[in-house]
Amino acid sequence: MTSSQPESRIVDADGAGGLVVIPTFNERENLPIIVERLLTAQPGIHVLVVDDSSPDGTGDVAESLAADDAADRVHVMHRTVKDGLGKAYLAGFAWGLDRDYRVIVEMDADGSHAPEQLYRLLDAVNAGADLVIGSRYVPGGELVNWPKRREVLSKGANTYARLMLGARVKDITAGYRAFRREVLEGIGLDEVDSAGYCFQIDLAWRSLQNGFTIREVPITFTEREIGESKMDGGVIMESFLNVARWGIRGRLSPRRR
């Protein structure tokens, strides 16, 4: 499969034509802040909040945000199970593809991904990239208030993934990214069964294997101020084992380019 060519703008300067998928679980305090920042930075963009039945009422907050938005830019999906970040994103991707959005963006609800920097990702898509990753580890990327332990874990995971997969992506675990719809249509989302760090690696690896181009742009990643991280040991172990399996399989069979 060949890369898309920049015949014209895929997303307008104000974000029109794009959808930002924001998965939530117990983010009632953070969600209104991030949605307001996002719609201020990109007034034409649409938002889909995918809430996994948050017991703190995040789903109700999302519904209020949608009801208050006269431009009908904010939408809400309520899921009845909490089965991982990956499944929440897959549900959001399917929703966006069914509604013909040209670019679909992943963004955290906790403020770690600055909406004010989304234009960097969208500009790179408009310039011809298929998948754009907001990277902490390319020149210009920054980490703010991140615990040293998390930074070491993140850099170690990225190094491990690069070595095992032979992928020239410095921040393959990053969760701030923009996909052309053709990528999500072409990488076999129905075969994806991974979560967290592993989900992000999985989709980037599938994109490379299917011949799509990945570009990294620098972002400032800021540790959340409200709430707690959802990262746990099970997600880390899943990533370790799956990356090893993909790496071995990739070396035993020719890549699709």
C-alpha atoms as a PDB file:
ATOM      1  CA  MET A   1       0.000   0.000   0.000  1.00  0.00           C
ATOM      2  CA  THR A   2       1.424   3.359  -0.956  1.00  0.00           C
ATOM      3  CA  SER A   3       1.537   6.542   1.067  1.00  0.00           C
ATOM      4  CA  SER A   4      -1.052   9.242   0.623  1.00  0.00           C
ATOM      5  CA  GLN A   5      -0.022  12.281  -1.380  1.00  0.00           C
ATOM      6  CA  PRO A   6      -0.792  15.872  -0.252  1.00  0.00           C
ATOM      7  CA  GLU A   7      -3.021  16.883  -3.175  1.00  0.00           C
ATOM      8  CA  SER A   8      -4.899  19.340  -0.938  1.00  0.00           C
ATOM      9  CA  ARG A   9      -5.459  20.052   2.738  1.00  0.00           C
ATOM     10  CA  ILE A  10      -6.814  17.005   4.501  1.00  0.00           C
ATOM     11  CA  VAL A  11      -7.862  19.013   7.548  1.00  0.00           C
ATOM     12  CA  ASP A  12      -8.700  22.714   7.512  1.00  0.00           C
ATOM     13  CA  ALA A  13      -6.633  25.237   9.460  1.00  0.00           C
ATOM     14  CA  ASP A  14      -9.252  25.291  12.245  1.00  0.00           C
ATOM     15  CA  GLY A  15      -9.365  21.500  12.452  1.00  0.00           C
ATOM     16  CA  ALA A  16     -12.504  20.945  10.354  1.00  0.00           C
ATOM     17  CA  GLY A  17     -12.531  17.429   8.917  1.00  0.00           C
ATOM     18  CA  GLY A  18     -10.820  15.972  11.976  1.00  0.00           C
ATOM     19  CA  LEU A  19     -12.080  14.025  14.975  1.00  0.00           C
ATOM     20  CA  VAL A  20     -10.299  13.820  18.339  1.00  0.00           C
ATOM     21  CA  VAL A  21     -11.070  10.635  20.289  1.00  0.00           C
ATOM     22  CA  ILE A  22     -10.664  11.060  24.054  1.00  0.00           C
ATOM     23  CA  PRO A  23     -11.086   7.882  26.149  1.00  0.00           C
ATOM     24  CA  THR A  24     -12.106   8.528  29.752  1.00  0.00           C
ATOM     25  CA  PHE A  25     -12.343   6.700  33.037  1.00  0.00           C
ATOM     26  CA  ASN A  26     -12.804   8.848  36.152  1.00  0.00           C
ATOM     27  CA  GLU A  27     -11.749  12.120  34.508  1.00  0.00           C
ATOM     28  CA  ARG A  28     -14.678  14.375  35.486  1.00  0.00           C
ATOM     29  CA  GLU A  29     -12.391  17.184  36.661  1.00  0.00           C
ATOM     30  CA  ASN A  30      -9.991  17.043  33.731  1.00  0.00           C
ATOM     31  CA  LEU A  31     -12.473  16.559  30.889  1.00  0.00           C
ATOM     32  CA  PRO A  32     -14.105  20.035  30.794  1.00  0.00           C
ATOM     33  CA  ILE A  33     -10.668  21.659  30.881  1.00  0.00           C
ATOM     34  CA  ILE A  34      -9.227  19.630  28.026  1.00  0.00           C
ATOM     35  CA  VAL A  35     -12.334  19.968  25.826  1.00  0.00           C
ATOM     36  CA  GLU A  36     -12.419  23.745  26.299  1.00  0.00           C
ATOM     37  CA  ARG A  37      -8.717  24.037  25.454  1.00  0.00           C
ATOM     38  CA  LEU A  38      -9.153  21.823  22.412  1.00  0.00           C
ATOM     39  CA  LEU A  39     -12.115  23.714  20.953  1.00  0.00           C
ATOM     40  CA  THR A  40     -10.364  27.015  21.590  1.00  0.00           C
ATOM     41  CA  ALA A  41      -7.213  25.845  19.805  1.00  0.00           C
ATOM     42  CA  GLN A  42      -9.053  24.126  16.919  1.00  0.00           C
ATOM     43  CA  PRO A  43     -12.582  25.574  16.664  1.00  0.00           C
ATOM     44  CA  GLY A  44     -13.545  23.396  13.698  1.00  0.00           C
ATOM     45  CA  ILE A  45     -12.506  20.050  15.136  1.00  0.00           C
ATOM     46  CA  HIS A  46     -14.968  17.501  16.507  1.00  0.00           C
ATOM     47  CA  VAL A  47     -14.541  15.546  19.734  1.00  0.00           C
ATOM     48  CA  LEU A  48     -15.705  12.069  20.693  1.00  0.00           C
ATOM     49  CA  VAL A  49     -15.519  11.254  24.395  1.00  0.00           C
ATOM     50  CA  VAL A  50     -15.450   7.480  24.900  1.00  0.00           C
ATOM     51  CA  ASP A  51     -16.370   6.859  28.520  1.00  0.00           C
ATOM     52  CA  ASP A  52     -16.018   3.419  30.110  1.00  0.00           C
ATOM     53  CA  SER A  53     -18.861   3.786  32.631  1.00  0.00           C
ATOM     54  CA  SER A  54     -16.820   5.987  34.961  1.00  0.00           C
ATOM     55  CA  PRO A  55     -18.189   5.700  38.521  1.00  0.00           C
ATOM     56  CA  ASP A  56     -17.250   9.329  39.197  1.00  0.00           C
ATOM     57  CA  GLY A  57     -19.804  10.631  36.684  1.00  0.00           C
ATOM     58  CA  THR A  58     -17.432  11.523  33.844  1.00  0.00           C
ATOM     59  CA  GLY A  59     -20.048  10.307  31.360  1.00  0.00           C
ATOM     60  CA  ASP A  60     -22.603  12.788  32.703  1.00  0.00           C
ATOM     61  CA  VAL A  61     -20.050  15.585  32.460  1.00  0.00           C
ATOM     62  CA  ALA A  62     -19.400  14.605  28.845  1.00  0.00           C
ATOM     63  CA  GLU A  63     -23.116  14.688  28.070  1.00  0.00           C
ATOM     64  CA  SER A  64     -23.360  18.185  29.559  1.00  0.00           C
ATOM     65  CA  LEU A  65     -20.442  19.366  27.420  1.00  0.00           C
ATOM     66  CA  ALA A  66     -22.138  17.958  24.330  1.00  0.00           C
ATOM     67  CA  ALA A  67     -25.477  19.552  25.201  1.00  0.00           C
ATOM     68  CA  ASP A  68     -23.846  22.938  25.779  1.00  0.00           C
ATOM     69  CA  ASP A  69     -21.995  22.960  22.450  1.00  0.00           C
ATOM     70  CA  ALA A  70     -24.309  24.711  19.998  1.00  0.00           C
ATOM     71  CA  ALA A  71     -22.033  23.827  17.069  1.00  0.00           C
ATOM     72  CA  ASP A  72     -22.546  20.077  17.665  1.00  0.00           C
ATOM     73  CA  ARG A  73     -18.818  19.390  17.857  1.00  0.00           C
ATOM     74  CA  VAL A  74     -18.821  17.312  21.046  1.00  0.00           C
ATOM     75  CA  HIS A  75     -20.105  13.739  20.965  1.00  0.00           C
ATOM     76  CA  VAL A  76     -20.227  11.005  23.597  1.00  0.00           C
ATOM     77  CA  MET A  77     -19.989   7.214  23.496  1.00  0.00           C
ATOM     78  CA  HIS A  78     -20.860   5.269  26.628  1.00  0.00           C
ATOM     79  CA  ARG A  79     -19.291   1.827  26.937  1.00  0.00           C
ATOM     80  CA  THR A  80     -20.566  -0.636  29.511  1.00  0.00           C
ATOM     81  CA  VAL A  81     -17.232  -2.371  30.064  1.00  0.00           C
ATOM     82  CA  LYS A  82     -13.752  -1.245  31.035  1.00  0.00           C
ATOM     83  CA  ASP A  83     -11.508  -3.498  28.961  1.00  0.00           C
ATOM     84  CA  GLY A  84      -8.525  -1.348  28.177  1.00  0.00           C
ATOM     85  CA  LEU A  85      -7.459   1.795  26.388  1.00  0.00           C
ATOM     86  CA  GLY A  86      -7.028  -0.048  23.112  1.00  0.00           C
ATOM     87  CA  LYS A  87     -10.629  -1.263  22.984  1.00  0.00           C
ATOM     88  CA  ALA A  88     -11.895   2.230  23.801  1.00  0.00           C
ATOM     89  CA  TYR A  89      -9.865   3.699  20.950  1.00  0.00           C
ATOM     90  CA  LEU A  90     -11.001   0.988  18.539  1.00  0.00           C
ATOM     91  CA  ALA A  91     -14.623   1.802  19.336  1.00  0.00           C
ATOM     92  CA  GLY A  92     -13.912   5.501  18.768  1.00  0.00           C
ATOM     93  CA  PHE A  93     -12.101   4.832  15.488  1.00  0.00           C
ATOM     94  CA  ALA A  94     -15.052   2.797  14.186  1.00  0.00           C
ATOM     95  CA  TRP A  95     -17.430   5.621  15.120  1.00  0.00           C
ATOM     96  CA  GLY A  96     -15.273   8.182  13.302  1.00  0.00           C
ATOM     97  CA  LEU A  97     -14.756   6.067  10.193  1.00  0.00           C
ATOM     98  CA  ASP A  98     -18.503   5.489   9.911  1.00  0.00           C
ATOM     99  CA  ARG A  99     -18.975   9.261   9.836  1.00  0.00           C
ATOM    100  CA  ASP A 100     -16.351   9.987   7.181  1.00  0.00           C
ATOM    101  CA  TYR A 101     -13.857  12.025   9.223  1.00  0.00           C
ATOM    102  CA  ARG A 102     -10.673  12.449   7.199  1.00  0.00           C
ATOM    103  CA  VAL A 103      -8.267  12.449  10.156  1.00  0.00           C
ATOM    104  CA  ILE A 104      -8.726  10.787  13.538  1.00  0.00           C
ATOM    105  CA  VAL A 105      -6.615  11.887  16.508  1.00  0.00           C
ATOM    106  CA  GLU A 106      -5.779  10.158  19.786  1.00  0.00           C
ATOM    107  CA  MET A 107      -5.575  12.439  22.828  1.00  0.00           C
ATOM    108  CA  ASP A 108      -5.453  11.811  26.575  1.00  0.00           C
ATOM    109  CA  ALA A 109      -8.077  13.388  28.819  1.00  0.00           C
ATOM    110  CA  ASP A 110      -5.647  14.311  31.583  1.00  0.00           C
ATOM    111  CA  GLY A 111      -3.959  17.312  29.950  1.00  0.00           C
ATOM    112  CA  SER A 112      -0.670  15.555  29.218  1.00  0.00           C
ATOM    113  CA  HIS A 113      -1.209  16.217  25.500  1.00  0.00           C
ATOM    114  CA  ALA A 114      -1.447  19.941  24.821  1.00  0.00           C
ATOM    115  CA  PRO A 115      -4.351  20.764  22.472  1.00  0.00           C
ATOM    116  CA  GLU A 116      -2.489  23.941  21.597  1.00  0.00           C
ATOM    117  CA  GLN A 117       0.123  21.776  19.845  1.00  0.00           C
ATOM    118  CA  LEU A 118      -2.349  19.711  17.832  1.00  0.00           C
ATOM    119  CA  TYR A 119      -1.723  21.937  14.816  1.00  0.00           C
ATOM    120  CA  ARG A 120       1.765  20.409  14.566  1.00  0.00           C
ATOM    121  CA  LEU A 121       0.267  16.974  14.000  1.00  0.00           C
ATOM    122  CA  LEU A 122      -2.392  18.235  11.584  1.00  0.00           C
ATOM    123  CA  ASP A 123       0.141  20.274   9.588  1.00  0.00           C
ATOM    124  CA  ALA A 124       2.260  17.147   9.151  1.00  0.00           C
ATOM    125  CA  VAL A 125      -0.774  15.201   7.921  1.00  0.00           C
ATOM    126  CA  ASN A 126      -1.542  17.980   5.454  1.00  0.00           C
ATOM    127  CA  ALA A 127       2.084  17.825   4.313  1.00  0.00           C
ATOM    128  CA  GLY A 128       1.691  14.170   3.352  1.00  0.00           C
ATOM    129  CA  ALA A 129       2.331  11.976   6.406  1.00  0.00           C
ATOM    130  CA  ASP A 130      -0.033   9.074   6.981  1.00  0.00           C
ATOM    131  CA  LEU A 131       0.471   8.717  10.728  1.00  0.00           C
ATOM    132  CA  VAL A 132       1.878  11.565  12.807  1.00  0.00           C
ATOM    133  CA  ILE A 133       3.153  10.927  16.330  1.00  0.00           C
ATOM    134  CA  GLY A 134       3.548  13.705  18.860  1.00  0.00           C
ATOM    135  CA  SER A 135       6.980  12.763  20.162  1.00  0.00           C
ATOM    136  CA  ARG A 136       8.691  13.455  23.456  1.00  0.00           C
ATOM    137  CA  TYR A 137      12.028  12.224  22.158  1.00  0.00           C
ATOM    138  CA  VAL A 138      12.756  14.129  18.955  1.00  0.00           C
ATOM    139  CA  PRO A 139      14.523  17.518  18.975  1.00  0.00           C
ATOM    140  CA  GLY A 140      12.166  20.062  20.501  1.00  0.00           C
ATOM    141  CA  GLY A 141      10.212  17.465  22.496  1.00  0.00           C
ATOM    142  CA  GLU A 142       9.941  18.028  26.242  1.00  0.00           C
ATOM    143  CA  LEU A 143       8.864  16.309  29.448  1.00  0.00           C
ATOM    144  CA  VAL A 144       7.362  18.417  32.249  1.00  0.00           C
ATOM    145  CA  ASN A 145       6.928  17.198  35.843  1.00  0.00           C
ATOM    146  CA  TRP A 146       7.288  13.540  34.907  1.00  0.00           C
ATOM    147  CA  PRO A 147       8.677  11.278  37.651  1.00  0.00           C
ATOM    148  CA  LYS A 148      12.160   9.990  36.816  1.00  0.00           C
ATOM    149  CA  ARG A 149      10.971   6.400  37.193  1.00  0.00           C
ATOM    150  CA  ARG A 150       8.301   6.897  34.514  1.00  0.00           C
ATOM    151  CA  GLU A 151      10.779   8.596  32.192  1.00  0.00           C
ATOM    152  CA  VAL A 152      13.261   5.722  32.522  1.00  0.00           C
ATOM    153  CA  LEU A 153      10.478   3.192  31.924  1.00  0.00           C
ATOM    154  CA  SER A 154       9.242   5.071  28.847  1.00  0.00           C
ATOM    155  CA  LYS A 155      12.657   5.494  27.276  1.00  0.00           C
ATOM    156  CA  GLY A 156      13.511   1.883  28.001  1.00  0.00           C
ATOM    157  CA  ALA A 157      10.269   0.673  26.398  1.00  0.00           C
ATOM    158  CA  ASN A 158      10.907   2.752  23.289  1.00  0.00           C
ATOM    159  CA  THR A 159      14.487   1.510  22.970  1.00  0.00           C
ATOM    160  CA  TYR A 160      13.358  -2.082  23.426  1.00  0.00           C
ATOM    161  CA  ALA A 161      10.641  -1.702  20.764  1.00  0.00           C
ATOM    162  CA  ARG A 162      13.042  -0.080  18.273  1.00  0.00           C
ATOM    163  CA  LEU A 163      15.605  -2.848  18.701  1.00  0.00           C
ATOM    164  CA  MET A 164      13.113  -5.706  18.552  1.00  0.00           C
ATOM    165  CA  LEU A 165      11.097  -4.355  15.626  1.00  0.00           C
ATOM    166  CA  GLY A 166      13.766  -2.482  13.709  1.00  0.00           C
ATOM    167  CA  ALA A 167      11.427   0.498  13.611  1.00  0.00           C
ATOM    168  CA  ARG A 168      12.974   3.945  13.262  1.00  0.00           C
ATOM    169  CA  VAL A 169      10.442   5.643  15.509  1.00  0.00           C
ATOM    170  CA  LYS A 170      11.830   7.317  18.613  1.00  0.00           C
ATOM    171  CA  ASP A 171       8.542   7.493  20.530  1.00  0.00           C
ATOM    172  CA  ILE A 172       6.578   4.482  19.309  1.00  0.00           C
ATOM    173  CA  THR A 173       4.720   4.221  22.650  1.00  0.00           C
ATOM    174  CA  ALA A 174       3.387   7.788  22.454  1.00  0.00           C
ATOM    175  CA  GLY A 175      -0.367   8.272  22.634  1.00  0.00           C
ATOM    176  CA  TYR A 176      -0.730  11.671  20.955  1.00  0.00           C
ATOM    177  CA  ARG A 177      -1.129  10.849  17.273  1.00  0.00           C
ATOM    178  CA  ALA A 178      -3.101  11.642  14.137  1.00  0.00           C
ATOM    179  CA  PHE A 179      -4.114   9.043  11.550  1.00  0.00           C
ATOM    180  CA  ARG A 180      -5.361   9.569   8.038  1.00  0.00           C
ATOM    181  CA  ARG A 181      -8.518   7.501   7.737  1.00  0.00           C
ATOM    182  CA  GLU A 182      -6.844   5.384   5.040  1.00  0.00           C
ATOM    183  CA  VAL A 183      -4.385   4.108   7.634  1.00  0.00           C
ATOM    184  CA  LEU A 184      -7.091   2.924  10.022  1.00  0.00           C
ATOM    185  CA  GLU A 185      -8.950   1.350   7.120  1.00  0.00           C
ATOM    186  CA  GLY A 186      -5.850  -0.458   5.896  1.00  0.00           C
ATOM    187  CA  ILE A 187      -4.075  -1.925   8.936  1.00  0.00           C
ATOM    188  CA  GLY A 188      -6.550  -4.568  10.084  1.00  0.00           C
ATOM    189  CA  LEU A 189      -8.133  -3.019  13.167  1.00  0.00           C
ATOM    190  CA  ASP A 190     -10.370  -6.067  13.570  1.00  0.00           C
ATOM    191  CA  GLU A 191      -7.226  -8.082  14.374  1.00  0.00           C
ATOM    192  CA  VAL A 192      -5.955  -5.719  17.096  1.00  0.00           C
ATOM    193  CA  ASP A 193      -6.236  -7.065  20.639  1.00  0.00           C
ATOM    194  CA  SER A 194      -3.832  -5.037  22.750  1.00  0.00           C
ATOM    195  CA  ALA A 195      -3.946  -2.193  25.269  1.00  0.00           C
ATOM    196  CA  GLY A 196      -1.928   0.696  26.703  1.00  0.00           C
ATOM    197  CA  TYR A 197       1.688   0.999  25.598  1.00  0.00           C
ATOM    198  CA  CYS A 198       1.223  -2.158  23.549  1.00  0.00           C
ATOM    199  CA  PHE A 199      -1.734  -0.750  21.621  1.00  0.00           C
ATOM    200  CA  GLN A 200       0.285   2.256  20.492  1.00  0.00           C
ATOM    201  CA  ILE A 201       3.221   0.090  19.421  1.00  0.00           C
ATOM    202  CA  ASP A 202       0.849  -2.315  17.664  1.00  0.00           C
ATOM    203  CA  LEU A 203      -0.790   0.357  15.502  1.00  0.00           C
ATOM    204  CA  ALA A 204       2.489   2.036  14.583  1.00  0.00           C
ATOM    205  CA  TRP A 205       4.013  -1.342  13.670  1.00  0.00           C
ATOM    206  CA  ARG A 206       1.004  -2.278  11.551  1.00  0.00           C
ATOM    207  CA  SER A 207       1.236   1.093   9.808  1.00  0.00           C
ATOM    208  CA  LEU A 208       4.881   0.514   8.926  1.00  0.00           C
ATOM    209  CA  GLN A 209       4.227  -3.049   7.816  1.00  0.00           C
ATOM    210  CA  ASN A 210       1.530  -1.841   5.448  1.00  0.00           C
ATOM    211  CA  GLY A 211       3.759   0.776   3.833  1.00  0.00           C
ATOM    212  CA  PHE A 212       2.344   3.901   5.456  1.00  0.00           C
ATOM    213  CA  THR A 213       4.642   6.778   6.341  1.00  0.00           C
ATOM    214  CA  ILE A 214       5.154   7.856   9.951  1.00  0.00           C
ATOM    215  CA  ARG A 215       6.415  11.271  10.940  1.00  0.00           C
ATOM    216  CA  GLU A 216       7.242  12.457  14.449  1.00  0.00           C
ATOM    217  CA  VAL A 217       6.727  16.056  15.533  1.00  0.00           C
ATOM    218  CA  PRO A 218       7.893  17.472  18.875  1.00  0.00           C
ATOM    219  CA  ILE A 219       5.431  17.999  21.703  1.00  0.00           C
ATOM    220  CA  THR A 220       5.582  18.996  25.348  1.00  0.00           C
ATOM    221  CA  PHE A 221       4.301  16.148  27.504  1.00  0.00           C
ATOM    222  CA  THR A 222       3.073  17.342  30.900  1.00  0.00           C
ATOM    223  CA  GLU A 223       2.346  15.000  33.792  1.00  0.00           C
ATOM    224  CA  ARG A 224      -1.273  15.114  34.922  1.00  0.00           C
ATOM    225  CA  GLU A 225      -2.092  17.374  37.847  1.00  0.00           C
ATOM    226  CA  ILE A 226      -5.460  15.816  38.712  1.00  0.00           C
ATOM    227  CA  GLY A 227      -6.169  12.105  39.160  1.00  0.00           C
ATOM    228  CA  GLU A 228      -3.942   9.054  38.871  1.00  0.00           C
ATOM    229  CA  SER A 229      -2.169   7.296  36.011  1.00  0.00           C
ATOM    230  CA  LYS A 230      -3.891   4.169  34.606  1.00  0.00           C
ATOM    231  CA  MET A 231      -0.554   2.428  33.839  1.00  0.00           C
ATOM    232  CA  ASP A 232      -0.032  -0.907  35.596  1.00  0.00           C
ATOM    233  CA  GLY A 233       2.286  -3.896  35.559  1.00  0.00           C
ATOM    234  CA  GLY A 234      -0.027  -6.024  33.419  1.00  0.00           C
ATOM    235  CA  VAL A 235       0.095  -3.522  30.560  1.00  0.00           C
ATOM    236  CA  ILE A 236       3.886  -3.377  30.752  1.00  0.00           C
ATOM    237  CA  MET A 237       4.233  -7.179  30.645  1.00  0.00           C
ATOM    238  CA  GLU A 238       1.789  -7.396  27.723  1.00  0.00           C
ATOM    239  CA  SER A 239       3.918  -4.915  25.807  1.00  0.00           C
ATOM    240  CA  PHE A 240       7.162  -6.770  26.543  1.00  0.00           C
ATOM    241  CA  LEU A 241       5.842 -10.128  25.358  1.00  0.00           C
ATOM    242  CA  ASN A 242       3.951  -8.869  22.301  1.00  0.00           C
ATOM    243  CA  VAL A 243       6.847  -6.770  21.013  1.00  0.00           C
ATOM    244  CA  ALA A 244       9.144  -9.788  21.279  1.00  0.00           C
ATOM    245  CA  ARG A 245       6.619 -11.901  19.361  1.00  0.00           C
ATOM    246  CA  TRP A 246       6.165  -9.279  16.624  1.00  0.00           C
ATOM    247  CA  GLY A 247       9.906  -8.811  16.305  1.00  0.00           C
ATOM    248  CA  ILE A 248      10.561 -12.524  15.874  1.00  0.00           C
ATOM    249  CA  ARG A 249       7.718 -12.892  13.391  1.00  0.00           C
ATOM    250  CA  GLY A 250       8.948  -9.889  11.423  1.00  0.00           C
ATOM    251  CA  ARG A 251      12.413 -11.398  11.102  1.00  0.00           C
ATOM    252  CA  LEU A 252      11.020 -14.729   9.917  1.00  0.00           C
ATOM    253  CA  SER A 253       8.802 -13.299   7.194  1.00  0.00           C
ATOM    254  CA  PRO A 254       9.338 -10.449   4.696  1.00  0.00           C
ATOM    255  CA  ARG A 255       7.789  -7.128   5.577  1.00  0.00           C
ATOM    256  CA  ARG A 256       4.971  -5.717   3.519  1.00  0.00           C
ATOM    257  CA  ARG A 257       6.168  -2.395   2.161  1.00  0.00           C
END
